[in-house]
Amino acid sequence: MPGEIKEKNLSSSSERLLNHARQPAEAIAEQAQQKAGAGVKSAYLHAATDSTFLESSVADLLRTAAQSVPQQLALIVPANGENRPMRSWTYARLQAEAERAAQALLGVFQPGDRVATWAGGSAEIILLHLGAALAGIVLVTLNPANRAGELEYLLTQGEVRGLFLDRVYRKLDNAAVIENLKPRLPSLQHVIFMDQWNTFVAGAINVELPKIAADSAAMILFTSGTTGKPKGAVLAHRGIVNNARLSTERLQLAAGSVWLNMLPMFHVGGSVTMTLGCLSNFGTQVLLPEFSADAMLDAIQRYRVGVTMAVPTMLVAMLQSELAPATDFSSLQVIVTGGTVVVPELVRAVRERTHAEVMTLFGQTEAGGCMCLTRRGDDPERVTQSVGAPLPLSEAKVIAPETGKIAAIGEVGEICVRTQCRMIEYFRMPEKTREALDADGWVHTGDLGVMRDDGYLQVTGRLKDMIIRGGENIYPREIEDQLAEHASVAQAAVFGVADEKWGEQVVAAVILKPGFGADANALIEFLQSRMAKHKVPRYWQFVDQFPVNASGKIQKFILREQFKL
């Protein structure tokens, strides 16, 4: 698939982008020798500095690729049943349609406006992402599984002016939901359904697109915390472009590789690591709008996929598929995983079946995406017992939460990273921004871990009680607040327990009000009407009291120890 690479009329930053994309795997591998751990004496590490941080926007990234390999296939969306055949775009066509989308957006919105997506994956979502970036519009990406209450908060908090959405998503009537919410959303002026995309773009007026500053806002991705109130992480163009490029460098891929993207586009993994990473590689993105193990296996074989990213739950499903024994994996070089615990047995099974490298990624939206990544050639111990070394041009440290001092090698503390890829701020939340980004530019991840003597980080737990189920972040406080509104609930404590398939499952321990009986089904039905299904607890405990410490705080670790299936 790779096309001829032509160099002409490129800016200096675009030339550097091109040169990075063209590096052969052997050259990158030589540069990526495991020097991260050399001389590590404390839980602080300054990563390699032999890369260049580019002052580039997403527009620069797309145009460099389209100018360099115009006839290279940029995007493939496999056939979906009888009604939707396979579709594909060359880089030349992708740029042209993205620019048309940008012009259509500028006919309705102004640069700097916030426009949201509430839709599943599709070619049109890719074009909307790129079109917004070319127009200087800030894209706010929302989980299509969000329910009305969640959506109202996010659209209000993000001061969103426009919304692109699926008319129906997994049998939920989104059109009715947004119609009911509109009177309470004064900032929302335009609602466009994704099935109207062609009509919307056809109305574009031929206007000159703005010059996009590399340090301007590109996206807002919402991430929650212990308060239960989601926070909008504002990511700059330069941050996401460089994060995608630097993480791609570590994958050691030849230019023009085939990328299988199965991750949702409202996640930094799908929209940055995979989509922009593929662009920086001049690669071909095969987009699966929704994951299924059979579709994954078919795409790997049909399109000769070289690299994909999958949470462990996806890999388990892949191995269990009836298609797995007959699938041709010979093209597959790298599988990137993470998002939850990666067990050694799974890595061994994936390697034995596919003969591909398995690499573990550690990322966070606030840091712009990937923070740490293992390397090709790492043994199973490193892949499963660490999250790799920091990306080039960044720093990592582990600090004692009580004092802020740098910990010793092997000592547990909070993982912090310092990178130019980090978010600008939490939108309209200055106090929360100061909590996450200190005055010296360090991102406080809220994750507990240790620095190993080989310069790799190991995650051991979380300062915050976040649960990671199948790669999705779940925040107990949000669920607890909703349960508190049920007539039967006096108090609730939500926590996670290990699960072989999903990484973690959600457990709710509940104290009932006098006179009420235990009815888990009623509570499940109550929550399902208010939040995404994956957040609803799988297991329920009804107790008379919670274990608390001297300050009266619930000791969830004791609840977790006491929990039995």
Protein backbone atom coordinates (compact mmCIF):
# COMPACT_ATOMS: atom_id res chain seq x y z
CA MET A 1 0.00 0.00 0.00
CA PRO A 2 2.73 2.57 0.70
CA GLY A 3 2.99 5.16 -2.05
CA GLU A 4 5.96 7.14 -3.32
CA ILE A 5 7.13 9.84 -0.91
CA LYS A 6 7.68 13.21 -2.54
CA GLU A 7 9.38 16.15 -0.85
CA LYS A 8 8.64 19.68 -1.97
CA ASN A 9 7.32 22.95 -0.60
CA LEU A 10 7.43 21.74 2.99
CA SER A 11 7.83 23.95 6.03
CA SER A 12 10.73 23.14 8.36
CA SER A 13 8.39 21.50 10.88
CA SER A 14 6.73 19.53 8.09
CA GLU A 15 10.14 18.37 6.86
CA ARG A 16 10.89 17.04 10.33
CA LEU A 17 7.51 15.30 10.43
CA LEU A 18 8.28 13.71 7.07
CA ASN A 19 11.74 12.60 8.14
CA HIS A 20 10.39 10.95 11.29
CA ALA A 21 7.73 9.10 9.29
CA ARG A 22 10.32 7.85 6.79
CA GLN A 23 12.75 6.41 9.30
CA PRO A 24 13.13 2.66 8.78
CA ALA A 25 12.37 0.42 11.71
CA GLU A 26 16.04 -0.60 12.00
CA ALA A 27 17.19 3.00 12.50
CA ILE A 28 14.53 3.69 15.10
CA ALA A 29 15.33 0.44 16.88
CA GLU A 30 18.99 1.42 17.14
CA GLN A 31 18.00 4.79 18.66
CA ALA A 32 15.57 3.10 21.04
CA GLN A 33 18.12 0.99 22.87
CA GLN A 34 17.10 0.56 26.44
CA LYS A 35 19.02 3.47 27.82
CA ALA A 36 16.14 4.81 29.90
CA GLY A 37 17.30 2.99 32.99
CA ALA A 38 21.00 3.81 32.71
CA GLY A 39 22.19 5.37 35.95
CA VAL A 40 18.76 5.54 37.60
CA LYS A 41 19.39 6.14 41.29
CA SER A 42 16.06 7.57 42.44
CA ALA A 43 12.45 7.62 41.31
CA TYR A 44 13.12 10.44 38.85
CA LEU A 45 13.90 9.99 35.18
CA HIS A 46 14.61 12.46 32.38
CA ALA A 47 13.75 10.61 29.19
CA ALA A 48 15.76 10.62 25.98
CA THR A 49 16.18 13.95 24.24
CA ASP A 50 17.19 12.71 20.77
CA SER A 51 13.77 13.59 19.32
CA THR A 52 12.44 16.99 18.28
CA PHE A 53 9.31 18.65 19.58
CA LEU A 54 7.50 20.12 16.57
CA GLU A 55 5.43 23.30 16.61
CA SER A 56 2.80 21.70 14.39
CA SER A 57 -0.99 21.60 14.26
CA VAL A 58 -3.25 18.77 13.18
CA ALA A 59 -3.67 20.72 9.92
CA ASP A 60 0.11 20.57 9.37
CA LEU A 61 0.09 16.84 10.07
CA LEU A 62 -2.68 16.12 7.56
CA ARG A 63 -1.30 18.38 4.84
CA THR A 64 2.22 16.98 5.14
CA ALA A 65 0.89 13.45 4.66
CA ALA A 66 -1.40 14.43 1.77
CA GLN A 67 1.37 16.32 0.00
CA SER A 68 3.92 13.56 0.53
CA VAL A 69 1.85 10.45 -0.28
CA PRO A 70 -1.32 11.71 -2.00
CA GLN A 71 -2.30 8.34 -3.49
CA GLN A 72 -1.54 6.30 -0.38
CA LEU A 73 -4.70 4.86 1.20
CA ALA A 74 -5.35 6.89 4.33
CA LEU A 75 -8.64 5.47 5.61
CA ILE A 76 -10.64 2.29 5.12
CA VAL A 77 -14.02 1.60 6.71
CA PRO A 78 -14.90 -2.09 6.20
CA ALA A 79 -18.29 -3.15 4.88
CA ASN A 80 -21.07 -3.24 7.44
CA GLY A 81 -23.78 -5.64 6.33
CA GLU A 82 -25.48 -5.46 2.96
CA ASN A 83 -26.37 -1.78 3.18
CA ARG A 84 -22.92 -0.28 3.68
CA PRO A 85 -20.08 -1.40 1.37
CA MET A 86 -16.41 -0.94 2.14
CA ARG A 87 -15.29 2.67 1.70
CA SER A 88 -11.77 4.08 1.32
CA TRP A 89 -9.99 7.43 1.05
CA THR A 90 -6.56 8.30 -0.31
CA TYR A 91 -4.65 11.02 1.52
CA ALA A 92 -5.47 13.46 -1.29
CA ARG A 93 -9.19 12.74 -0.98
CA LEU A 94 -9.08 12.77 2.82
CA GLN A 95 -7.53 16.23 2.84
CA ALA A 96 -10.01 17.55 0.26
CA GLU A 97 -13.04 16.23 2.17
CA ALA A 98 -11.66 17.43 5.51
CA GLU A 99 -11.17 20.91 4.05
CA ARG A 100 -14.73 20.85 2.71
CA ALA A 101 -15.97 19.85 6.15
CA ALA A 102 -13.98 22.72 7.66
CA GLN A 103 -15.60 25.18 5.26
CA ALA A 104 -19.05 23.82 6.12
CA LEU A 105 -18.31 24.22 9.83
CA LEU A 106 -17.13 27.80 9.32
CA GLY A 107 -20.43 28.56 7.62
CA VAL A 108 -22.11 27.96 10.98
CA PHE A 109 -19.45 28.37 13.67
CA GLN A 110 -16.50 30.64 14.44
CA PRO A 111 -12.91 29.54 15.12
CA GLY A 112 -12.62 28.85 18.83
CA ASP A 113 -16.24 27.71 19.19
CA ARG A 114 -16.82 24.42 20.96
CA VAL A 115 -18.64 21.79 18.94
CA ALA A 116 -19.43 18.37 20.41
CA THR A 117 -19.81 14.85 19.07
CA TRP A 118 -22.25 12.38 20.64
CA ALA A 119 -21.95 9.55 18.17
CA GLY A 120 -20.32 6.22 17.46
CA GLY A 121 -17.32 5.70 15.22
CA SER A 122 -17.64 6.34 11.49
CA ALA A 123 -15.79 7.82 8.54
CA GLU A 124 -17.88 10.95 9.04
CA ILE A 125 -16.59 11.28 12.62
CA ILE A 126 -13.02 11.11 11.31
CA LEU A 127 -13.84 13.84 8.78
CA LEU A 128 -15.50 15.92 11.50
CA HIS A 129 -12.40 15.58 13.72
CA LEU A 130 -10.11 16.68 10.91
CA GLY A 131 -12.49 19.36 9.63
CA ALA A 132 -12.81 20.94 13.06
CA ALA A 133 -9.02 20.95 13.43
CA LEU A 134 -8.62 22.68 10.04
CA ALA A 135 -11.30 25.24 10.95
CA GLY A 136 -9.82 26.09 14.35
CA ILE A 137 -12.93 24.76 16.09
CA VAL A 138 -12.53 23.00 19.43
CA LEU A 139 -14.05 19.52 19.27
CA VAL A 140 -15.68 18.23 22.46
CA THR A 141 -15.87 14.44 22.28
CA LEU A 142 -18.62 12.78 24.32
CA ASN A 143 -19.29 9.11 24.96
CA PRO A 144 -22.35 8.10 22.89
CA ALA A 145 -23.40 5.85 25.80
CA ASN A 146 -23.96 8.89 28.04
CA ARG A 147 -27.50 9.37 29.25
CA ALA A 148 -29.58 12.55 29.41
CA GLY A 149 -28.38 13.76 32.81
CA GLU A 150 -24.75 13.19 31.92
CA LEU A 151 -25.20 14.86 28.54
CA GLU A 152 -26.85 17.94 30.02
CA TYR A 153 -23.98 18.47 32.43
CA LEU A 154 -21.27 17.98 29.78
CA LEU A 155 -22.87 20.28 27.20
CA THR A 156 -23.45 22.93 29.84
CA GLN A 157 -19.99 22.68 31.39
CA GLY A 158 -18.35 22.73 27.95
CA GLU A 159 -20.42 25.74 26.80
CA VAL A 160 -21.06 23.81 23.60
CA ARG A 161 -22.56 25.72 20.64
CA GLY A 162 -23.08 22.81 18.27
CA LEU A 163 -23.74 19.08 18.57
CA PHE A 164 -23.26 16.31 16.00
CA LEU A 165 -25.06 13.14 17.05
CA ASP A 166 -26.46 9.82 15.96
CA ARG A 167 -30.24 9.89 15.68
CA VAL A 168 -30.36 6.50 17.45
CA TYR A 169 -27.50 4.83 19.33
CA ARG A 170 -27.90 1.28 20.59
CA LYS A 171 -31.68 1.65 20.63
CA LEU A 172 -31.53 4.93 22.56
CA ASP A 173 -33.61 7.65 20.89
CA ASN A 174 -31.01 10.42 20.92
CA ALA A 175 -33.25 12.73 18.94
CA ALA A 176 -35.88 12.65 21.68
CA VAL A 177 -33.23 13.07 24.39
CA ILE A 178 -31.73 16.19 22.87
CA GLU A 179 -35.14 17.65 22.05
CA ASN A 180 -36.11 17.39 25.72
CA LEU A 181 -32.80 18.90 26.85
CA LYS A 182 -32.63 21.86 24.46
CA PRO A 183 -34.74 24.22 26.61
CA ARG A 184 -32.15 23.78 29.39
CA LEU A 185 -29.15 24.32 27.09
CA PRO A 186 -29.08 28.01 26.13
CA SER A 187 -25.57 27.80 24.64
CA LEU A 188 -26.53 24.99 22.25
CA GLN A 189 -27.58 26.69 19.01
CA HIS A 190 -27.11 23.99 16.37
CA VAL A 191 -27.96 20.28 16.36
CA ILE A 192 -26.87 18.23 13.34
CA PHE A 193 -27.57 14.52 12.98
CA MET A 194 -24.84 12.36 11.50
CA ASP A 195 -27.22 11.00 8.84
CA GLN A 196 -27.41 14.60 7.56
CA TRP A 197 -23.64 14.82 7.11
CA ASN A 198 -23.61 14.81 3.30
CA THR A 199 -26.25 17.55 3.20
CA PHE A 200 -24.35 19.57 5.79
CA VAL A 201 -21.07 19.37 3.87
CA ALA A 202 -22.80 20.07 0.54
CA GLY A 203 -23.79 23.47 1.93
CA ALA A 204 -20.15 24.53 2.41
CA ILE A 205 -19.13 27.91 1.05
CA ASN A 206 -15.68 28.31 -0.48
CA VAL A 207 -13.94 30.31 2.26
CA GLU A 208 -10.25 30.56 3.12
CA LEU A 209 -9.36 28.38 6.07
CA PRO A 210 -7.62 30.04 9.01
CA LYS A 211 -3.99 29.55 9.98
CA ILE A 212 -4.06 27.32 13.05
CA ALA A 213 -1.65 28.18 15.85
CA ALA A 214 0.12 25.12 17.19
CA ASP A 215 -0.55 26.14 20.78
CA SER A 216 -4.28 26.71 20.28
CA ALA A 217 -6.93 24.37 21.69
CA ALA A 218 -7.86 21.42 19.48
CA MET A 219 -10.02 19.17 21.66
CA ILE A 220 -11.78 18.89 25.00
CA LEU A 221 -12.04 15.37 26.41
CA PHE A 222 -13.97 14.93 29.63
CA THR A 223 -12.42 12.94 32.44
CA SER A 224 -13.89 12.48 35.91
CA GLY A 225 -12.39 12.50 39.36
CA THR A 226 -13.23 11.70 42.94
CA THR A 227 -15.72 14.58 43.03
CA GLY A 228 -17.80 12.72 40.46
CA LYS A 229 -18.02 15.85 38.31
CA PRO A 230 -16.35 15.35 34.91
CA LYS A 231 -13.62 17.82 33.99
CA GLY A 232 -12.91 18.93 30.43
CA ALA A 233 -9.22 18.48 29.62
CA VAL A 234 -8.30 21.07 26.97
CA LEU A 235 -5.65 19.65 24.61
CA ALA A 236 -3.55 21.79 22.28
CA HIS A 237 -2.74 20.95 18.67
CA ARG A 238 0.99 20.76 19.38
CA GLY A 239 0.42 18.46 22.33
CA ILE A 240 -1.64 15.82 20.56
CA VAL A 241 0.43 15.94 17.36
CA ASN A 242 3.69 15.38 19.22
CA ASN A 243 2.25 12.80 21.60
CA ALA A 244 0.99 10.76 18.65
CA ARG A 245 4.30 11.11 16.81
CA LEU A 246 6.53 10.27 19.77
CA SER A 247 4.50 7.21 20.75
CA THR A 248 4.51 6.09 17.10
CA GLU A 249 8.30 6.36 17.00
CA ARG A 250 8.58 3.81 19.78
CA LEU A 251 6.45 1.33 17.82
CA GLN A 252 9.29 1.05 15.26
CA LEU A 253 7.04 0.82 12.21
CA ALA A 254 7.99 1.36 8.60
CA ALA A 255 6.23 4.31 6.95
CA GLY A 256 2.92 3.38 5.37
CA SER A 257 1.96 0.67 7.86
CA VAL A 258 -1.64 -0.49 8.19
CA TRP A 259 -3.28 0.49 11.49
CA LEU A 260 -6.43 -1.15 12.86
CA ASN A 261 -8.30 1.35 15.06
CA MET A 262 -10.94 -0.31 17.24
CA LEU A 263 -10.92 2.30 20.01
CA PRO A 264 -13.70 4.87 20.41
CA MET A 265 -13.01 8.29 18.92
CA PHE A 266 -14.16 10.02 22.12
CA HIS A 267 -11.07 8.52 23.83
CA VAL A 268 -7.58 9.90 23.49
CA GLY A 269 -6.50 6.40 22.41
CA GLY A 270 -8.74 6.35 19.35
CA SER A 271 -8.56 10.02 18.39
CA VAL A 272 -4.89 10.75 19.16
CA THR A 273 -2.72 7.64 19.60
CA MET A 274 -4.30 5.72 16.73
CA THR A 275 -5.72 8.33 14.33
CA LEU A 276 -2.99 10.97 14.56
CA GLY A 277 -0.33 8.30 15.06
CA CYS A 278 -1.38 6.75 11.76
CA LEU A 279 -1.21 10.15 10.05
CA SER A 280 2.31 10.74 11.38
CA ASN A 281 3.31 7.34 9.96
CA PHE A 282 1.67 8.08 6.57
CA GLY A 283 -0.20 4.88 7.33
CA THR A 284 -3.54 3.39 6.38
CA GLN A 285 -6.14 3.48 9.13
CA VAL A 286 -8.70 0.67 9.10
CA LEU A 287 -11.53 1.96 11.28
CA LEU A 288 -13.90 -0.44 13.03
CA PRO A 289 -16.90 1.65 14.14
CA GLU A 290 -17.63 -0.92 16.87
CA PHE A 291 -15.48 -3.70 18.24
CA SER A 292 -16.24 -7.36 17.76
CA ALA A 293 -13.67 -10.13 17.89
CA ASP A 294 -14.77 -11.54 14.54
CA ALA A 295 -14.60 -8.15 12.83
CA MET A 296 -11.15 -7.60 14.32
CA LEU A 297 -9.85 -10.91 13.02
CA ASP A 298 -11.39 -10.39 9.60
CA ALA A 299 -9.80 -6.93 9.31
CA ILE A 300 -6.35 -8.16 10.37
CA GLN A 301 -6.35 -10.80 7.66
CA ARG A 302 -8.23 -8.90 4.93
CA TYR A 303 -6.25 -5.64 5.11
CA ARG A 304 -2.89 -7.07 6.21
CA VAL A 305 -2.85 -5.04 9.43
CA GLY A 306 0.56 -4.28 10.93
CA VAL A 307 -0.38 -2.63 14.21
CA THR A 308 -3.41 -2.36 16.45
CA MET A 309 -4.28 -1.25 19.97
CA ALA A 310 -6.61 -3.27 22.17
CA VAL A 311 -7.46 -3.43 25.86
CA PRO A 312 -7.01 -6.90 27.42
CA THR A 313 -10.75 -7.62 27.22
CA MET A 314 -10.57 -7.32 23.43
CA LEU A 315 -7.56 -9.64 23.27
CA VAL A 316 -9.33 -12.26 25.37
CA ALA A 317 -12.33 -12.09 23.02
CA MET A 318 -10.02 -12.36 20.01
CA LEU A 319 -8.39 -15.53 21.31
CA GLN A 320 -11.77 -17.06 22.18
CA SER A 321 -13.28 -16.39 18.74
CA GLU A 322 -13.96 -19.42 16.56
CA LEU A 323 -12.19 -17.55 13.74
CA ALA A 324 -8.89 -17.23 15.61
CA PRO A 325 -7.36 -20.63 14.73
CA ALA A 326 -7.76 -20.02 10.99
CA THR A 327 -6.80 -16.32 10.93
CA ASP A 328 -3.62 -15.31 9.10
CA PHE A 329 -1.67 -13.05 11.50
CA SER A 330 1.52 -12.95 9.44
CA SER A 331 1.27 -9.20 8.74
CA LEU A 332 0.72 -8.24 12.39
CA GLN A 333 3.85 -6.78 13.97
CA VAL A 334 2.68 -4.95 17.11
CA ILE A 335 -0.27 -5.09 19.48
CA VAL A 336 -0.39 -2.25 22.00
CA THR A 337 -2.40 -2.92 25.12
CA GLY A 338 -3.03 -1.39 28.54
CA GLY A 339 -5.81 0.45 30.31
CA THR A 340 -5.99 -2.22 33.01
CA VAL A 341 -3.99 -5.13 34.40
CA VAL A 342 -2.19 -7.13 31.70
CA VAL A 343 -1.67 -10.69 32.91
CA PRO A 344 1.35 -12.77 31.81
CA GLU A 345 -0.83 -15.65 30.61
CA LEU A 346 -2.63 -13.35 28.16
CA VAL A 347 0.61 -11.95 26.74
CA ARG A 348 2.02 -15.44 26.24
CA ALA A 349 -1.18 -16.64 24.57
CA VAL A 350 -1.32 -13.63 22.22
CA ARG A 351 2.33 -13.99 21.26
CA GLU A 352 1.99 -17.73 20.66
CA ARG A 353 -1.06 -17.28 18.43
CA THR A 354 -0.10 -14.13 16.51
CA HIS A 355 3.73 -14.03 16.74
CA ALA A 356 3.33 -10.26 17.16
CA GLU A 357 5.09 -8.06 19.71
CA VAL A 358 2.92 -7.05 22.67
CA MET A 359 3.63 -3.62 24.16
CA THR A 360 2.05 -2.01 27.22
CA LEU A 361 0.98 1.64 27.19
CA PHE A 362 0.28 3.92 30.16
CA GLY A 363 -1.64 7.07 29.29
CA GLN A 364 -3.80 9.82 30.66
CA THR A 365 -5.89 12.45 28.95
CA GLU A 366 -4.36 15.24 31.05
CA ALA A 367 -0.91 14.31 29.76
CA GLY A 368 -2.06 14.48 26.14
CA GLY A 369 -2.30 10.72 25.68
CA CYS A 370 0.52 8.23 26.05
CA MET A 371 2.92 8.82 28.96
CA CYS A 372 4.91 5.58 29.05
CA LEU A 373 5.32 2.65 26.69
CA THR A 374 7.32 -0.54 26.72
CA ARG A 375 9.61 -1.36 23.81
CA ARG A 376 9.69 -3.97 21.12
CA GLY A 377 11.79 -6.87 22.29
CA ASP A 378 10.85 -6.46 25.95
CA ASP A 379 10.36 -9.77 27.74
CA PRO A 380 6.97 -10.78 29.22
CA GLU A 381 8.03 -9.65 32.69
CA ARG A 382 8.51 -6.07 31.54
CA VAL A 383 5.35 -6.10 29.44
CA THR A 384 3.16 -7.40 32.26
CA GLN A 385 4.86 -6.02 35.37
CA SER A 386 5.57 -2.49 34.13
CA VAL A 387 4.09 0.18 31.90
CA GLY A 388 7.38 0.97 30.21
CA ALA A 389 9.55 4.06 30.13
CA PRO A 390 8.48 7.68 29.56
CA LEU A 391 8.27 8.98 26.02
CA PRO A 392 11.18 11.06 24.72
CA LEU A 393 11.30 14.73 25.72
CA SER A 394 9.43 14.06 28.97
CA GLU A 395 10.20 13.45 32.61
CA ALA A 396 8.71 11.08 35.14
CA LYS A 397 9.00 10.84 38.89
CA VAL A 398 7.42 9.05 41.82
CA ILE A 399 6.81 11.22 44.88
CA ALA A 400 5.70 10.61 48.43
CA PRO A 401 2.10 11.93 48.50
CA GLU A 402 2.51 13.34 52.00
CA THR A 403 5.70 15.34 51.37
CA GLY A 404 6.08 15.66 47.60
CA LYS A 405 9.67 14.45 47.85
CA ILE A 406 11.07 12.10 45.23
CA ALA A 407 10.85 8.49 46.36
CA ALA A 408 13.60 5.91 46.28
CA ILE A 409 13.81 3.20 43.63
CA GLY A 410 11.11 0.63 44.39
CA GLU A 411 9.29 2.89 46.86
CA VAL A 412 5.56 3.41 46.27
CA GLY A 413 4.37 6.94 45.61
CA GLU A 414 2.34 9.07 43.19
CA ILE A 415 3.42 8.97 39.56
CA CYS A 416 3.97 12.42 38.03
CA VAL A 417 5.02 13.33 34.50
CA ARG A 418 6.22 16.54 32.90
CA THR A 419 5.67 16.90 29.18
CA GLN A 420 4.97 19.62 26.64
CA CYS A 421 2.08 17.42 25.44
CA ARG A 422 0.09 18.04 28.63
CA MET A 423 -3.31 19.68 28.64
CA ILE A 424 -3.69 23.45 28.72
CA GLU A 425 -6.23 23.35 31.55
CA TYR A 426 -9.48 21.90 32.76
CA PHE A 427 -12.06 24.04 30.98
CA ARG A 428 -13.53 26.65 33.36
CA MET A 429 -12.09 24.82 36.39
CA PRO A 430 -9.00 26.76 37.57
CA GLU A 431 -8.87 25.17 41.01
CA LYS A 432 -9.05 21.64 39.60
CA THR A 433 -6.39 22.61 37.05
CA ARG A 434 -4.02 23.68 39.84
CA GLU A 435 -4.60 20.35 41.57
CA ALA A 436 -3.65 18.38 38.45
CA LEU A 437 -0.88 20.66 37.08
CA ASP A 438 1.52 22.12 39.62
CA ALA A 439 3.47 25.35 39.23
CA ASP A 440 6.47 23.49 37.82
CA GLY A 441 4.44 21.86 35.05
CA TRP A 442 4.12 18.37 36.51
CA VAL A 443 0.97 16.37 35.83
CA HIS A 444 -0.11 14.63 39.04
CA THR A 445 -1.67 11.46 37.70
CA GLY A 446 -3.31 10.21 40.88
CA ASP A 447 -1.81 6.78 40.17
CA LEU A 448 0.41 5.00 42.65
CA GLY A 449 3.53 3.25 41.43
CA VAL A 450 7.22 2.62 41.73
CA MET A 451 10.22 3.45 39.60
CA ARG A 452 12.16 0.29 38.79
CA ASP A 453 15.93 0.23 38.57
CA ASP A 454 15.66 -0.37 34.80
CA GLY A 455 13.93 3.00 34.34
CA TYR A 456 10.51 1.47 33.78
CA LEU A 457 7.47 2.43 35.84
CA GLN A 458 5.18 0.00 37.57
CA VAL A 459 1.62 1.00 38.53
CA THR A 460 0.56 -0.45 41.88
CA GLY A 461 -2.74 1.28 42.59
CA ARG A 462 -4.55 4.58 42.58
CA LEU A 463 -4.73 7.52 44.93
CA LYS A 464 -8.19 8.02 43.54
CA ASP A 465 -10.62 5.14 43.66
CA MET A 466 -11.02 4.98 39.92
CA ILE A 467 -12.15 1.64 38.51
CA ILE A 468 -10.96 0.51 35.08
CA ARG A 469 -13.39 -1.96 33.50
CA GLY A 470 -12.54 -3.14 30.01
CA GLY A 471 -10.41 -0.05 29.44
CA GLU A 472 -13.19 2.34 30.52
CA ASN A 473 -12.58 4.62 33.50
CA ILE A 474 -15.35 4.49 36.09
CA TYR A 475 -15.48 6.88 39.04
CA PRO A 476 -17.21 5.62 42.21
CA ARG A 477 -18.35 9.02 43.45
CA GLU A 478 -20.52 9.54 40.38
CA ILE A 479 -22.33 6.24 41.03
CA GLU A 480 -22.58 6.89 44.77
CA ASP A 481 -24.18 10.28 44.17
CA GLN A 482 -26.82 8.75 41.92
CA LEU A 483 -27.58 5.95 44.39
CA ALA A 484 -28.02 8.52 47.14
CA GLU A 485 -31.03 9.86 45.26
CA HIS A 486 -32.87 6.53 45.44
CA ALA A 487 -35.58 6.44 48.08
CA SER A 488 -34.28 3.22 49.66
CA VAL A 489 -30.59 4.13 49.96
CA ALA A 490 -29.15 5.63 53.11
CA GLN A 491 -25.51 5.41 52.00
CA ALA A 492 -23.51 3.72 49.27
CA ALA A 493 -19.84 2.91 48.74
CA VAL A 494 -18.66 1.83 45.29
CA PHE A 495 -15.36 0.07 44.60
CA GLY A 496 -13.71 -2.26 42.11
CA VAL A 497 -12.70 -5.90 42.37
CA ALA A 498 -10.44 -7.91 40.10
CA ASP A 499 -12.11 -9.67 37.18
CA GLU A 500 -10.41 -12.10 34.80
CA LYS A 501 -12.28 -10.90 31.71
CA TRP A 502 -12.83 -7.16 32.32
CA GLY A 503 -9.83 -6.32 34.50
CA GLU A 504 -12.13 -4.96 37.19
CA GLN A 505 -15.83 -5.13 37.98
CA VAL A 506 -17.93 -2.59 39.87
CA VAL A 507 -19.29 -3.43 43.32
CA ALA A 508 -21.77 -1.35 45.29
CA ALA A 509 -22.06 -1.76 49.05
CA VAL A 510 -25.36 -0.26 50.22
CA ILE A 511 -26.87 0.66 53.59
CA LEU A 512 -30.65 0.77 53.27
CA LYS A 513 -33.02 3.13 55.00
CA PRO A 514 -35.28 1.57 57.67
CA GLY A 515 -38.27 -0.26 56.25
CA PHE A 516 -36.74 -1.04 52.86
CA GLY A 517 -35.74 -4.47 51.62
CA ALA A 518 -32.73 -5.37 49.51
CA ASP A 519 -33.65 -5.11 45.81
CA ALA A 520 -30.59 -5.00 43.56
CA ASN A 521 -32.69 -5.20 40.39
CA ALA A 522 -34.56 -2.03 41.34
CA LEU A 523 -31.29 -0.18 41.92
CA ILE A 524 -29.85 -1.47 38.63
CA GLU A 525 -32.92 -0.26 36.74
CA PHE A 526 -32.69 3.10 38.52
CA LEU A 527 -29.03 3.59 37.51
CA GLN A 528 -29.48 2.36 33.95
CA SER A 529 -31.89 5.22 33.32
CA ARG A 530 -29.28 7.73 34.51
CA MET A 531 -25.86 6.59 33.31
CA ALA A 532 -23.98 4.49 30.81
CA LYS A 533 -24.51 0.76 31.24
CA HIS A 534 -20.84 -0.07 31.88
CA LYS A 535 -20.90 2.08 35.03
CA VAL A 536 -23.77 0.19 36.66
CA PRO A 537 -22.44 -2.12 39.43
CA ARG A 538 -22.21 -5.79 38.56
CA TYR A 539 -22.23 -6.93 42.19
CA TRP A 540 -24.20 -5.70 45.19
CA GLN A 541 -23.73 -5.98 48.95
CA PHE A 542 -26.32 -4.87 51.49
CA VAL A 543 -24.70 -4.13 54.85
CA ASP A 544 -25.65 -2.60 58.17
CA GLN A 545 -22.57 -0.39 58.48
CA PHE A 546 -19.33 0.54 56.73
CA PRO A 547 -15.82 0.20 58.17
CA VAL A 548 -14.52 3.71 58.85
CA ASN A 549 -11.28 5.23 60.11
CA ALA A 550 -10.84 7.69 62.99
CA SER A 551 -11.92 10.55 60.74
CA GLY A 552 -15.11 8.76 59.76
CA LYS A 553 -13.97 8.06 56.20
CA ILE A 554 -15.12 4.79 54.67
CA GLN A 555 -12.27 2.27 54.36
CA LYS A 556 -12.99 0.82 50.96
CA PHE A 557 -9.97 -1.44 51.08
CA ILE A 558 -11.64 -3.32 53.94
CA LEU A 559 -14.89 -3.57 51.96
CA ARG A 560 -12.86 -4.93 49.07
CA GLU A 561 -11.16 -7.49 51.31
CA GLN A 562 -14.51 -8.54 52.77
CA PHE A 563 -16.21 -8.90 49.40
CA LYS A 564 -16.88 -12.44 48.26
CA LEU A 565 -18.64 -13.58 45.09
